[in-house]
């Protein structure tokens, strides 16, 4: 029996509206679970962006005071060069710092517009000879107390703290998202099962007149696909809102050192949205396929 497009649209719409409560519950559960998935991806990408600044073997960064003079910069540079525990120290002026800043916060228009090169501190990226944590920490403690030094950030400390905190939240979010994804799949499956049971007599008649299993299945599978996609679309909207909320939090986090390193780029939002849409389609298709295969003989 050939599949008629008008028939499929009509039957899918009827299935969705027949038990509106179950349909809404399925869509909301898909939305919540995929929204958590999208938020988890944003947080994970933000941490990866924050750790990029420590690539290339740099173990710690010495930030100088904003009003430091050339002579004072030279004094700090000489101290770093003459220190037997330091392999190399690269000076980063304001122009280079601003270029790195624009790369790190690409896509965050408000932050870029309100930051000038002269607002950023100059620094030295330092690579010690001994990569042992205690040796690095000893150098960090020493230069933190030196004149004209504003702050010293060690890669080992920042990365360890950020990864520890975000791993905890990511694991929690991932666990919650997994449970909700399972609940979403079961809700979609139960919705389709209920719709098929309500039309069991009609399905029996369709079989008697020669309708194939696929002819009967398609409207129910489309019902599940619509529920998954609608929930996924809502979740994509939440991802954009989450990015805005995180940007706003970062702009207000003057006292949180770890959050200053955290950034989310436009490509990260695209990745999160793409993953949400793919998971919405897979969730709905798999749940619908299982339901129509298992409960077709009603």
Protein backbone atom coordinates (compact mmCIF):
# COMPACT_ATOMS: atom_id res chain seq x y z
CA UNK A 1 0.00 0.00 0.00
CA UNK A 2 1.57 3.34 -1.09
CA UNK A 3 2.30 6.01 1.49
CA UNK A 4 0.20 9.15 0.99
CA UNK A 5 1.69 12.43 2.31
CA UNK A 6 -1.68 13.96 3.20
CA UNK A 7 -2.65 10.82 5.09
CA UNK A 8 0.62 10.83 7.03
CA UNK A 9 0.26 14.50 8.03
CA UNK A 10 -3.36 14.03 9.05
CA UNK A 11 -2.70 10.89 11.08
CA UNK A 12 0.41 12.32 12.75
CA UNK A 13 -1.51 15.45 13.79
CA UNK A 14 -4.35 13.32 15.14
CA UNK A 15 -1.92 11.20 17.16
CA UNK A 16 -0.24 14.27 18.66
CA UNK A 17 -3.52 15.90 19.70
CA UNK A 18 -5.33 12.75 20.83
CA UNK A 19 -3.50 12.64 24.17
CA UNK A 20 -2.22 16.17 24.52
CA UNK A 21 -1.07 15.71 28.14
CA UNK A 22 1.33 12.88 27.27
CA UNK A 23 2.55 14.79 24.22
CA UNK A 24 3.35 17.90 26.25
CA UNK A 25 5.03 15.81 28.96
CA UNK A 26 7.22 14.10 26.35
CA UNK A 27 8.24 17.41 24.76
CA UNK A 28 9.06 19.03 28.12
CA UNK A 29 11.12 16.05 29.27
CA UNK A 30 13.08 16.04 26.01
CA UNK A 31 13.61 19.78 26.35
CA UNK A 32 14.94 19.60 29.92
CA UNK A 33 17.26 16.66 29.25
CA UNK A 34 18.72 18.16 26.05
CA UNK A 35 19.04 21.58 27.67
CA UNK A 36 21.24 19.98 30.33
CA UNK A 37 23.27 18.26 27.61
CA UNK A 38 23.78 21.61 25.84
CA UNK A 39 24.79 23.34 29.08
CA UNK A 40 27.28 20.57 29.83
CA UNK A 41 28.90 21.01 26.42
CA UNK A 42 29.20 24.78 26.95
CA UNK A 43 30.87 24.35 30.34
CA UNK A 44 33.30 21.72 29.00
CA UNK A 45 34.25 23.90 26.02
CA UNK A 46 34.68 26.91 28.26
CA UNK A 47 37.21 25.03 30.36
CA UNK A 48 39.12 23.89 27.28
CA UNK A 49 39.28 27.49 26.02
CA UNK A 50 40.56 28.65 29.39
CA UNK A 51 43.42 26.14 29.38
CA UNK A 52 44.62 27.12 25.89
CA UNK A 53 46.62 29.96 27.36
CA UNK A 54 48.80 27.43 29.19
CA UNK A 55 49.80 25.50 26.04
CA UNK A 56 53.36 25.48 24.75
CA UNK A 57 55.14 24.45 27.93
CA UNK A 58 54.48 27.68 29.88
CA UNK A 59 54.23 26.76 33.56
CA UNK A 60 53.38 30.12 35.08
CA UNK A 61 52.72 33.75 34.10
CA UNK A 62 54.06 36.80 35.96
CA UNK A 63 51.67 39.75 35.58
CA UNK A 64 53.20 43.19 36.15
CA UNK A 65 51.55 46.21 37.71
CA UNK A 66 49.52 48.29 35.21
CA UNK A 67 51.63 51.42 35.78
CA UNK A 68 55.01 49.67 35.54
CA UNK A 69 57.82 51.61 33.83
CA UNK A 70 60.25 50.31 31.22
CA UNK A 71 63.04 50.30 33.80
CA UNK A 72 60.95 48.23 36.19
CA UNK A 73 60.06 45.79 33.40
CA UNK A 74 63.75 45.43 32.64
CA UNK A 75 64.46 44.74 36.32
CA UNK A 76 61.91 41.93 36.47
CA UNK A 77 63.19 40.53 33.18
CA UNK A 78 66.76 40.55 34.48
CA UNK A 79 65.69 38.75 37.65
CA UNK A 80 63.94 36.05 35.60
CA UNK A 81 66.89 35.68 33.22
CA UNK A 82 69.43 35.34 36.03
CA UNK A 83 67.36 32.87 38.04
CA UNK A 84 69.05 29.41 37.70
CA UNK A 85 65.69 27.63 38.01
CA UNK A 86 64.15 29.32 34.95
CA UNK A 87 64.67 28.00 31.43
CA UNK A 88 63.08 30.88 29.53
CA UNK A 89 60.94 33.97 30.11
CA UNK A 90 59.06 35.63 27.24
CA UNK A 91 57.86 39.21 27.63
CA UNK A 92 54.32 39.91 26.43
CA UNK A 93 53.58 43.59 25.86
CA UNK A 94 50.14 45.20 25.88
CA UNK A 95 49.69 44.86 22.11
CA UNK A 96 50.29 41.11 22.21
CA UNK A 97 48.20 40.76 25.36
CA UNK A 98 45.33 42.51 23.60
CA UNK A 99 45.64 40.19 20.59
CA UNK A 100 45.50 37.16 22.89
CA UNK A 101 42.56 38.74 24.70
CA UNK A 102 40.62 39.14 21.44
CA UNK A 103 41.26 35.50 20.50
CA UNK A 104 40.29 34.26 23.95
CA UNK A 105 37.05 36.27 24.08
CA UNK A 106 36.15 36.06 20.39
CA UNK A 107 32.42 36.59 19.90
CA UNK A 108 31.90 38.39 23.23
CA UNK A 109 31.22 41.83 21.77
CA UNK A 110 30.45 43.65 25.03
CA UNK A 111 33.69 42.60 26.68
CA UNK A 112 35.78 43.45 23.60
CA UNK A 113 34.18 46.88 23.17
CA UNK A 114 34.75 47.83 26.84
CA UNK A 115 38.39 46.71 27.00
CA UNK A 116 41.30 48.76 25.65
CA UNK A 117 44.91 47.62 25.20
CA UNK A 118 46.06 49.97 27.97
CA UNK A 119 43.62 48.30 30.38
CA UNK A 120 45.50 45.00 30.15
CA UNK A 121 48.67 44.20 32.11
CA UNK A 122 51.99 43.23 30.59
CA UNK A 123 53.41 39.88 31.61
CA UNK A 124 56.15 37.28 31.34
CA UNK A 125 55.38 33.72 30.26
CA UNK A 126 57.87 31.64 32.20
CA UNK A 127 59.08 28.09 31.60
CA UNK A 128 61.07 26.65 34.52
CA UNK A 129 63.79 24.03 34.14
CA UNK A 130 62.28 21.76 36.77
CA UNK A 131 58.63 20.92 35.98
CA UNK A 132 58.04 19.42 39.43
CA UNK A 133 54.98 20.96 41.08
CA UNK A 134 56.85 21.90 44.25
CA UNK A 135 59.65 23.57 42.25
CA UNK A 136 57.15 25.55 40.18
CA UNK A 137 55.24 26.55 43.29
CA UNK A 138 58.47 27.73 44.92
CA UNK A 139 59.15 30.05 41.97
CA UNK A 140 55.56 31.27 42.02
CA UNK A 141 55.81 32.12 45.73
CA UNK A 142 59.09 33.92 45.19
CA UNK A 143 57.97 36.14 42.31
CA UNK A 144 54.60 36.86 43.90
CA UNK A 145 56.49 38.87 46.54
CA UNK A 146 58.75 40.75 44.13
CA UNK A 147 58.32 44.48 43.49
CA UNK A 148 56.28 45.58 40.45
CA UNK A 149 54.59 42.17 40.23
CA UNK A 150 50.80 42.31 40.35
CA UNK A 151 50.00 38.58 40.31
CA UNK A 152 51.53 35.21 39.42
CA UNK A 153 49.32 32.45 38.04
CA UNK A 154 50.62 28.90 37.80
CA UNK A 155 49.31 26.54 35.14
CA UNK A 156 49.31 23.59 37.52
CA UNK A 157 47.15 25.42 40.06
CA UNK A 158 44.68 26.95 37.62
CA UNK A 159 44.21 23.86 35.50
CA UNK A 160 43.91 21.55 38.52
CA UNK A 161 41.34 23.77 40.22
CA UNK A 162 39.30 24.44 37.09
CA UNK A 163 39.27 20.81 35.98
CA UNK A 164 38.41 19.61 39.48
CA UNK A 165 35.46 21.96 39.81
CA UNK A 166 34.15 21.51 36.28
CA UNK A 167 34.60 17.73 36.33
CA UNK A 168 32.37 17.57 39.39
CA UNK A 169 29.65 19.70 37.78
CA UNK A 170 30.02 18.02 34.38
CA UNK A 171 29.65 14.56 35.90
CA UNK A 172 26.59 15.68 37.82
CA UNK A 173 25.03 17.33 34.78
CA UNK A 174 25.87 14.36 32.54
CA UNK A 175 24.33 11.92 35.02
CA UNK A 176 21.17 13.99 35.32
CA UNK A 177 20.95 14.41 31.54
CA UNK A 178 21.35 10.65 31.02
CA UNK A 179 18.52 9.85 33.42
CA UNK A 180 16.27 12.44 31.79
CA UNK A 181 17.14 11.16 28.30
CA UNK A 182 16.04 7.68 29.38
CA UNK A 183 12.84 9.16 30.83
CA UNK A 184 12.27 11.08 27.58
CA UNK A 185 12.66 7.93 25.52
CA UNK A 186 10.25 6.03 27.74
CA UNK A 187 7.70 8.85 27.60
CA UNK A 188 7.84 8.97 23.80
CA UNK A 189 7.55 5.18 23.69
CA UNK A 190 4.57 5.22 26.07
CA UNK A 191 2.87 8.03 24.13
CA UNK A 192 3.10 6.05 20.89
CA UNK A 193 2.02 2.87 22.62
CA UNK A 194 -1.06 4.67 24.00
CA UNK A 195 -1.91 6.06 20.56
CA UNK A 196 -1.56 2.62 18.95
CA UNK A 197 -3.69 1.01 21.64
CA UNK A 198 -6.41 3.63 21.17
CA UNK A 199 -6.50 2.82 17.45
CA UNK A 200 -6.10 -0.94 17.78
CA UNK A 201 -9.39 -1.70 16.01
CA UNK A 202 -8.52 0.63 13.14
CA UNK A 203 -5.08 -1.00 12.83
CA UNK A 204 -6.69 -4.47 12.66
CA UNK A 205 -8.98 -3.29 9.85
CA UNK A 206 -6.05 -1.71 7.97
CA UNK A 207 -4.17 -5.00 8.17
CA UNK A 208 -7.19 -6.90 6.87
CA UNK A 209 -7.40 -4.66 3.78
CA UNK A 210 -3.70 -5.15 2.99
CA UNK A 211 -1.90 -2.29 4.74
CA UNK A 212 1.78 -3.08 5.36
CA UNK A 213 3.42 -2.70 8.75
CA UNK A 214 5.44 0.27 7.51
CA UNK A 215 2.32 2.02 6.24
CA UNK A 216 0.90 1.75 9.75
CA UNK A 217 4.17 2.60 11.52
CA UNK A 218 5.13 5.80 9.70
CA UNK A 219 2.51 8.17 11.28
CA UNK A 220 3.43 6.93 14.75
CA UNK A 221 7.16 7.31 14.05
CA UNK A 222 6.55 10.83 12.75
CA UNK A 223 4.68 11.56 15.98
CA UNK A 224 7.77 10.62 18.00
CA UNK A 225 10.04 12.59 15.66
CA UNK A 226 7.91 15.73 16.06
CA UNK A 227 8.01 15.43 19.85
CA UNK A 228 11.79 15.03 19.82
CA UNK A 229 12.38 17.90 17.39
CA UNK A 230 10.11 20.34 19.22
CA UNK A 231 11.85 19.55 22.50
CA UNK A 232 15.21 19.88 20.72
CA UNK A 233 14.30 23.29 19.27
CA UNK A 234 13.40 24.55 22.75
CA UNK A 235 16.71 23.16 24.03
CA UNK A 236 18.64 24.99 21.29
CA UNK A 237 16.98 28.22 22.42
CA UNK A 238 18.07 27.44 25.98
CA UNK A 239 21.69 26.99 24.81
CA UNK A 240 21.73 30.55 23.45
CA UNK A 241 20.21 31.84 26.70
CA UNK A 242 22.76 29.86 28.73
CA UNK A 243 25.61 31.43 26.74
CA UNK A 244 24.17 34.88 27.51
CA UNK A 245 23.84 34.07 31.22
CA UNK A 246 27.40 32.73 31.39
CA UNK A 247 28.76 35.84 29.65
CA UNK A 248 26.88 38.01 32.12
CA UNK A 249 28.28 35.98 35.04
CA UNK A 250 31.82 36.31 33.68
CA UNK A 251 31.48 40.08 33.36
CA UNK A 252 30.42 40.32 37.02
CA UNK A 253 32.99 37.88 38.41
CA UNK A 254 35.61 40.45 39.41
CA UNK A 255 36.65 38.49 42.47
CA UNK A 256 36.66 35.00 40.96
CA UNK A 257 40.07 34.30 39.45
CA UNK A 258 39.05 31.00 37.89
CA UNK A 259 36.10 32.48 36.04
CA UNK A 260 38.30 35.16 34.51
CA UNK A 261 39.96 32.44 32.44
CA UNK A 262 36.63 30.92 31.34
CA UNK A 263 35.26 31.82 27.89
CA UNK A 264 32.72 30.46 25.43
CA UNK A 265 33.13 31.10 21.71
CA UNK A 266 30.52 31.10 18.95
CA UNK A 267 31.87 27.80 17.63
CA UNK A 268 31.19 26.24 21.05
CA UNK A 269 27.56 27.34 20.89
CA UNK A 270 27.28 25.87 17.38
CA UNK A 271 28.75 22.57 18.62
CA UNK A 272 26.32 22.42 21.55
CA UNK A 273 23.31 23.19 19.33
CA UNK A 274 24.37 20.63 16.73
CA UNK A 275 24.76 17.94 19.39
CA UNK A 276 21.35 18.80 20.85
CA UNK A 277 19.63 18.48 17.46
CA UNK A 278 21.37 15.19 16.63
CA UNK A 279 20.45 13.72 20.02
CA UNK A 280 16.84 14.90 19.63
CA UNK A 281 16.53 13.11 16.30
CA UNK A 282 18.24 9.93 17.54
CA UNK A 283 16.19 9.84 20.74
CA UNK A 284 12.87 10.24 18.94
CA UNK A 285 13.68 7.86 16.06
CA UNK A 286 14.97 5.08 18.31
CA UNK A 287 12.07 5.37 20.78
CA UNK A 288 9.51 5.47 17.96
CA UNK A 289 11.08 2.51 16.17
CA UNK A 290 11.07 0.40 19.36
CA UNK A 291 7.46 1.35 20.15
CA UNK A 292 6.06 0.62 16.68
CA UNK A 293 7.98 -2.65 16.41
CA UNK A 294 6.98 -3.88 19.83
CA UNK A 295 3.37 -2.76 20.02
CA UNK A 296 2.21 -3.08 16.42
CA UNK A 297 0.35 -6.32 17.12
CA UNK A 298 -2.44 -4.82 19.19
